[in-house]
Amino acid sequence: MKKKIVVTAGPTNERIDSVMKITNMSTGALGSVFVETFLENKEDEIEKIFFISTKLTYKPRIQNSKIEYVTIESTQDLIEALKKIFKENRIDMVVHSAAVGDYVGKYSIRAEELVDEIWDVIQENPLEAITKERLMGVFENPRAIADSSGKMSSYEHHLMTMFSLTPKVIGTIKTLAPEAKLVGFKLLDGVEKEELLRVASNLRNKNKADYIVANDLSKIGGGKHWAMVVGEDGVVCECQTKKEIAMAIVKLLF
């Protein structure tokens, strides 16, 4: 039976207002190389590849009717897209190379208004009643948050945005598609190889992934992309380029 594959790629974009967003520097190039490599080497064994990414993410450089493009914006969009695909298809493999943002905007507020609210709490309560929890409650749910449904003013000198954590997408994949082979990714910067291996192994175990591609940002650039592929028994292989990473995963998954 021919395989159906999901490849996620590039960043997620989290809205602050109708114009501003928080994102990251991922381009989606690695995810695109995965799609190209799958089709160059295993096209006869593939029925479809769902390529999930934001609009501006790099796309595969080949034209092939087996690629179905799914455009998302936020982390929640990505989760909903995966749910829909898994509901409608039996997915055999997931290469989750998207750099999902860690934070989403919760609210924005003028610093002056936040200071006013904290000052009111101090003035209205006995000193012994002012606890860290009480003050944190002000930060969690202030009265005077800015309206982010449109574009916020460009002239606010002290505009502040509170962020909250986004859901961990990799943790939902095996729940939604327990039979799919899962390749996850971990990026650290300038760490010892042993530390990167430890973190990647923990991520693999926690999320029931088959493999984790462990990257070091300090070793990416100039046409090079060092990474090690981590499996159940430790390091499966080390790679020096995006193409080598994709070829290693093709051999492992097929």
Protein backbone atom coordinates (compact mmCIF):
# COMPACT_ATOMS: atom_id res chain seq x y z
CA MET A 1 0.00 0.00 0.00
CA LYS A 2 1.35 3.43 -0.92
CA LYS A 3 2.24 5.80 1.91
CA LYS A 4 0.62 9.02 3.01
CA ILE A 5 3.07 11.40 4.65
CA VAL A 6 2.70 14.65 6.59
CA VAL A 7 5.57 17.15 6.58
CA THR A 8 5.31 20.28 8.72
CA ALA A 9 7.74 23.09 7.96
CA GLY A 10 8.72 26.64 8.79
CA PRO A 11 7.61 28.86 11.66
CA THR A 12 4.23 29.52 13.20
CA ASN A 13 3.02 33.11 13.47
CA GLU A 14 1.18 34.27 16.59
CA ARG A 15 -0.97 37.37 16.34
CA ILE A 16 -0.44 40.40 18.62
CA ASP A 17 -2.84 42.68 16.75
CA SER A 18 -4.14 42.85 13.19
CA VAL A 19 -0.68 43.86 11.93
CA MET A 20 1.95 42.65 14.40
CA LYS A 21 2.86 39.05 15.09
CA ILE A 22 5.52 37.04 16.90
CA THR A 23 7.39 34.47 14.82
CA ASN A 24 10.85 32.94 14.51
CA MET A 25 13.65 32.71 11.95
CA SER A 26 12.79 29.28 10.54
CA THR A 27 12.47 29.28 6.74
CA GLY A 28 11.05 25.81 6.12
CA ALA A 29 14.02 24.89 3.92
CA LEU A 30 14.65 21.61 5.75
CA GLY A 31 11.03 20.52 5.44
CA SER A 32 11.11 21.30 1.73
CA VAL A 33 14.23 19.19 1.29
CA PHE A 34 12.43 16.30 2.98
CA VAL A 35 9.58 16.48 0.47
CA GLU A 36 11.98 16.69 -2.47
CA THR A 37 14.03 13.75 -1.18
CA PHE A 38 10.99 11.57 -0.52
CA LEU A 39 9.73 12.09 -4.06
CA GLU A 40 13.14 11.78 -5.72
CA ASN A 41 13.80 8.43 -4.05
CA LYS A 42 10.45 6.84 -3.15
CA GLU A 43 7.82 8.40 -5.44
CA ASP A 44 6.44 5.00 -6.50
CA GLU A 45 5.77 4.15 -2.84
CA ILE A 46 4.05 7.44 -1.99
CA GLU A 47 0.39 8.27 -2.53
CA LYS A 48 0.39 11.80 -1.08
CA ILE A 49 2.48 14.25 0.94
CA PHE A 50 0.67 16.89 2.97
CA PHE A 51 3.00 19.89 3.29
CA ILE A 52 1.80 22.10 6.17
CA SER A 53 3.36 25.54 6.46
CA THR A 54 2.74 29.26 6.65
CA LYS A 55 2.26 31.25 3.45
CA LEU A 56 5.82 32.61 3.22
CA THR A 57 7.62 29.38 4.11
CA TYR A 58 9.99 27.95 1.48
CA LYS A 59 8.19 25.38 -0.67
CA PRO A 60 9.60 22.29 -2.40
CA ARG A 61 11.36 23.17 -5.66
CA ILE A 62 9.69 20.38 -7.59
CA GLN A 63 6.24 20.27 -9.15
CA ASN A 64 4.36 17.10 -8.26
CA SER A 65 0.65 16.38 -8.00
CA LYS A 66 1.31 14.17 -4.99
CA ILE A 67 2.06 17.24 -2.87
CA GLU A 68 -0.96 18.81 -1.17
CA TYR A 69 -0.20 22.21 0.32
CA VAL A 70 -1.95 23.15 3.56
CA THR A 71 -1.48 26.77 4.65
CA ILE A 72 -1.64 27.66 8.32
CA GLU A 73 -0.75 30.70 10.42
CA SER A 74 -0.71 29.93 14.14
CA THR A 75 0.10 26.98 16.35
CA GLN A 76 -3.60 26.36 16.85
CA ASP A 77 -4.09 26.40 13.06
CA LEU A 78 -1.41 23.72 12.79
CA ILE A 79 -3.11 21.55 15.39
CA GLU A 80 -6.48 21.90 13.65
CA ALA A 81 -4.92 21.06 10.27
CA LEU A 82 -3.34 17.91 11.70
CA LYS A 83 -6.62 16.86 13.30
CA LYS A 84 -8.44 17.24 9.98
CA ILE A 85 -5.82 15.33 8.01
CA PHE A 86 -5.63 12.50 10.55
CA LYS A 87 -9.42 12.25 10.66
CA GLU A 88 -9.73 11.97 6.89
CA ASN A 89 -6.63 9.90 6.10
CA ARG A 90 -4.57 7.02 7.39
CA ILE A 91 -1.18 8.67 7.76
CA ASP A 92 1.88 6.46 7.71
CA MET A 93 4.62 8.97 8.52
CA VAL A 94 4.90 12.42 10.08
CA VAL A 95 8.02 14.54 9.69
CA HIS A 96 7.39 17.35 12.15
CA SER A 97 10.12 19.82 11.19
CA ALA A 98 8.07 22.98 11.82
CA ALA A 99 9.62 25.40 14.29
CA VAL A 100 6.49 25.88 16.39
CA GLY A 101 6.62 29.11 18.37
CA ASP A 102 6.85 28.79 22.14
CA TYR A 103 4.71 31.82 22.93
CA VAL A 104 1.43 33.42 21.89
CA GLY A 105 0.29 36.94 22.74
CA LYS A 106 -2.15 36.98 25.65
CA TYR A 107 -2.83 40.72 25.86
CA SER A 108 -1.18 44.11 25.39
CA ILE A 109 -1.32 47.01 27.84
CA ARG A 110 0.17 50.45 28.38
CA ALA A 111 2.77 50.33 31.17
CA GLU A 112 1.20 53.40 32.76
CA GLU A 113 -2.15 51.62 33.18
CA LEU A 114 -0.53 48.52 34.62
CA VAL A 115 1.44 50.65 37.10
CA ASP A 116 -1.78 52.47 38.05
CA GLU A 117 -3.52 49.18 38.80
CA ILE A 118 -0.62 47.89 40.90
CA TRP A 119 -0.53 51.22 42.76
CA ASP A 120 -4.27 50.95 43.48
CA VAL A 121 -3.75 47.50 44.99
CA ILE A 122 -0.98 48.85 47.22
CA GLN A 123 -3.09 51.82 48.35
CA GLU A 124 -6.26 49.82 48.95
CA ASN A 125 -4.82 46.94 50.97
CA PRO A 126 -2.93 46.59 54.24
CA LEU A 127 0.74 45.85 53.67
CA GLU A 128 0.41 42.31 55.03
CA ALA A 129 -2.34 41.56 52.48
CA ILE A 130 -0.14 42.40 49.49
CA THR A 131 1.34 39.07 48.45
CA LYS A 132 3.25 38.01 45.38
CA GLU A 133 0.18 36.01 44.36
CA ARG A 134 -2.03 39.12 44.62
CA LEU A 135 0.32 41.16 42.45
CA MET A 136 0.71 38.31 39.97
CA GLY A 137 -3.08 38.28 39.70
CA VAL A 138 -2.89 41.83 38.37
CA PHE A 139 -0.42 40.74 35.69
CA GLU A 140 -2.53 37.72 34.80
CA ASN A 141 -5.76 39.64 34.37
CA PRO A 142 -5.39 43.43 34.35
CA ARG A 143 -8.38 45.74 33.88
CA ALA A 144 -7.16 48.00 31.08
CA ILE A 145 -5.85 45.77 28.31
CA ALA A 146 -5.49 47.25 24.83
CA ASP A 147 -7.94 46.41 22.06
CA SER A 148 -5.97 44.10 19.76
CA SER A 149 -8.79 43.43 17.30
CA GLY A 150 -7.36 46.13 15.00
CA LYS A 151 -3.99 47.83 14.69
CA MET A 152 -2.77 49.24 17.98
CA SER A 153 -1.39 52.78 18.07
CA SER A 154 2.11 53.36 16.73
CA TYR A 155 2.68 56.16 19.24
CA GLU A 156 2.58 54.27 22.53
CA HIS A 157 5.99 54.65 24.20
CA HIS A 158 5.41 51.96 26.82
CA LEU A 159 3.24 49.33 25.21
CA MET A 160 3.77 45.91 26.80
CA THR A 161 2.61 42.47 25.64
CA MET A 162 2.06 39.51 27.94
CA PHE A 163 2.76 36.11 26.38
CA SER A 164 1.53 32.67 27.34
CA LEU A 165 2.79 29.27 26.23
CA THR A 166 1.57 27.62 23.05
CA PRO A 167 0.48 23.96 23.05
CA LYS A 168 3.21 21.41 22.31
CA VAL A 169 2.22 20.09 18.89
CA ILE A 170 4.57 17.10 18.91
CA GLY A 171 2.81 15.81 22.02
CA THR A 172 -0.51 15.55 20.17
CA ILE A 173 0.67 13.66 17.09
CA LYS A 174 0.88 10.12 18.45
CA THR A 175 -2.42 10.66 20.27
CA LEU A 176 -4.10 11.57 16.99
CA ALA A 177 -2.24 9.06 14.81
CA PRO A 178 -0.78 6.32 17.01
CA GLU A 179 0.23 4.08 14.08
CA ALA A 180 2.17 6.77 12.22
CA LYS A 181 5.94 6.79 12.33
CA LEU A 182 6.97 10.10 13.89
CA VAL A 183 10.14 12.10 13.30
CA GLY A 184 10.54 15.09 15.60
CA PHE A 185 13.19 17.80 15.76
CA LYS A 186 15.11 19.53 18.54
CA LEU A 187 17.24 22.65 18.14
CA LEU A 188 19.69 23.88 20.76
CA ASP A 189 22.54 26.36 20.39
CA GLY A 190 26.19 25.80 21.21
CA VAL A 191 25.80 22.87 23.60
CA GLU A 192 27.93 19.79 24.12
CA LYS A 193 26.93 16.81 22.01
CA GLU A 194 26.13 14.78 25.15
CA GLU A 195 23.68 17.44 26.34
CA LEU A 196 21.97 17.61 22.95
CA LEU A 197 21.67 13.82 22.93
CA ARG A 198 20.18 13.80 26.42
CA VAL A 199 17.57 16.43 25.55
CA ALA A 200 16.69 14.77 22.24
CA SER A 201 16.35 11.34 23.88
CA ASN A 202 14.04 12.76 26.54
CA LEU A 203 11.93 14.45 23.86
CA ARG A 204 11.71 11.20 21.89
CA ASN A 205 10.64 9.18 24.92
CA LYS A 206 8.14 11.75 26.17
CA ASN A 207 6.35 12.08 22.83
CA LYS A 208 6.68 8.47 21.63
CA ALA A 209 8.60 9.59 18.55
CA ASP A 210 10.47 7.05 16.49
CA TYR A 211 13.35 9.42 15.78
CA ILE A 212 14.49 12.90 16.77
CA VAL A 213 16.70 14.98 14.50
CA ALA A 214 18.90 16.86 16.99
CA ASN A 215 20.31 20.14 15.63
CA ASP A 216 22.82 22.67 16.96
CA LEU A 217 22.22 26.21 15.68
CA SER A 218 25.93 27.02 15.96
CA LYS A 219 26.61 24.31 13.36
CA ILE A 220 24.07 25.49 10.79
CA GLY A 221 25.02 27.90 7.99
CA GLY A 222 27.17 28.28 4.93
CA GLY A 223 25.51 25.32 3.24
CA LYS A 224 26.14 23.09 6.26
CA HIS A 225 23.53 21.65 8.59
CA TRP A 226 25.05 19.29 11.13
CA ALA A 227 22.60 17.07 12.99
CA MET A 228 22.41 13.68 14.62
CA VAL A 229 19.47 11.34 14.27
CA VAL A 230 18.50 9.87 17.63
CA GLY A 231 16.57 6.62 17.93
CA GLU A 232 15.65 4.17 20.65
CA ASP A 233 19.24 2.98 21.06
CA GLY A 234 20.91 6.38 20.85
CA VAL A 235 22.60 8.07 17.90
CA VAL A 236 21.71 6.36 14.62
CA CYS A 237 23.88 8.59 12.46
CA GLU A 238 25.36 12.06 12.10
CA CYS A 239 24.73 14.23 9.05
CA GLN A 240 26.42 17.32 7.64
CA THR A 241 23.78 18.77 5.29
CA LYS A 242 20.00 19.02 4.97
CA LYS A 243 20.11 16.52 2.13
CA GLU A 244 22.02 14.00 4.23
CA ILE A 245 19.47 14.37 7.04
CA ALA A 246 16.59 13.78 4.61
CA MET A 247 18.31 10.75 3.04
CA ALA A 248 18.95 9.24 6.47
CA ILE A 249 15.28 9.59 7.40
CA VAL A 250 14.15 8.13 4.06
CA LYS A 251 16.24 5.03 4.72
CA LEU A 252 14.93 4.70 8.28
CA LEU A 253 11.24 5.21 7.47
CA PHE A 254 11.12 3.07 4.33
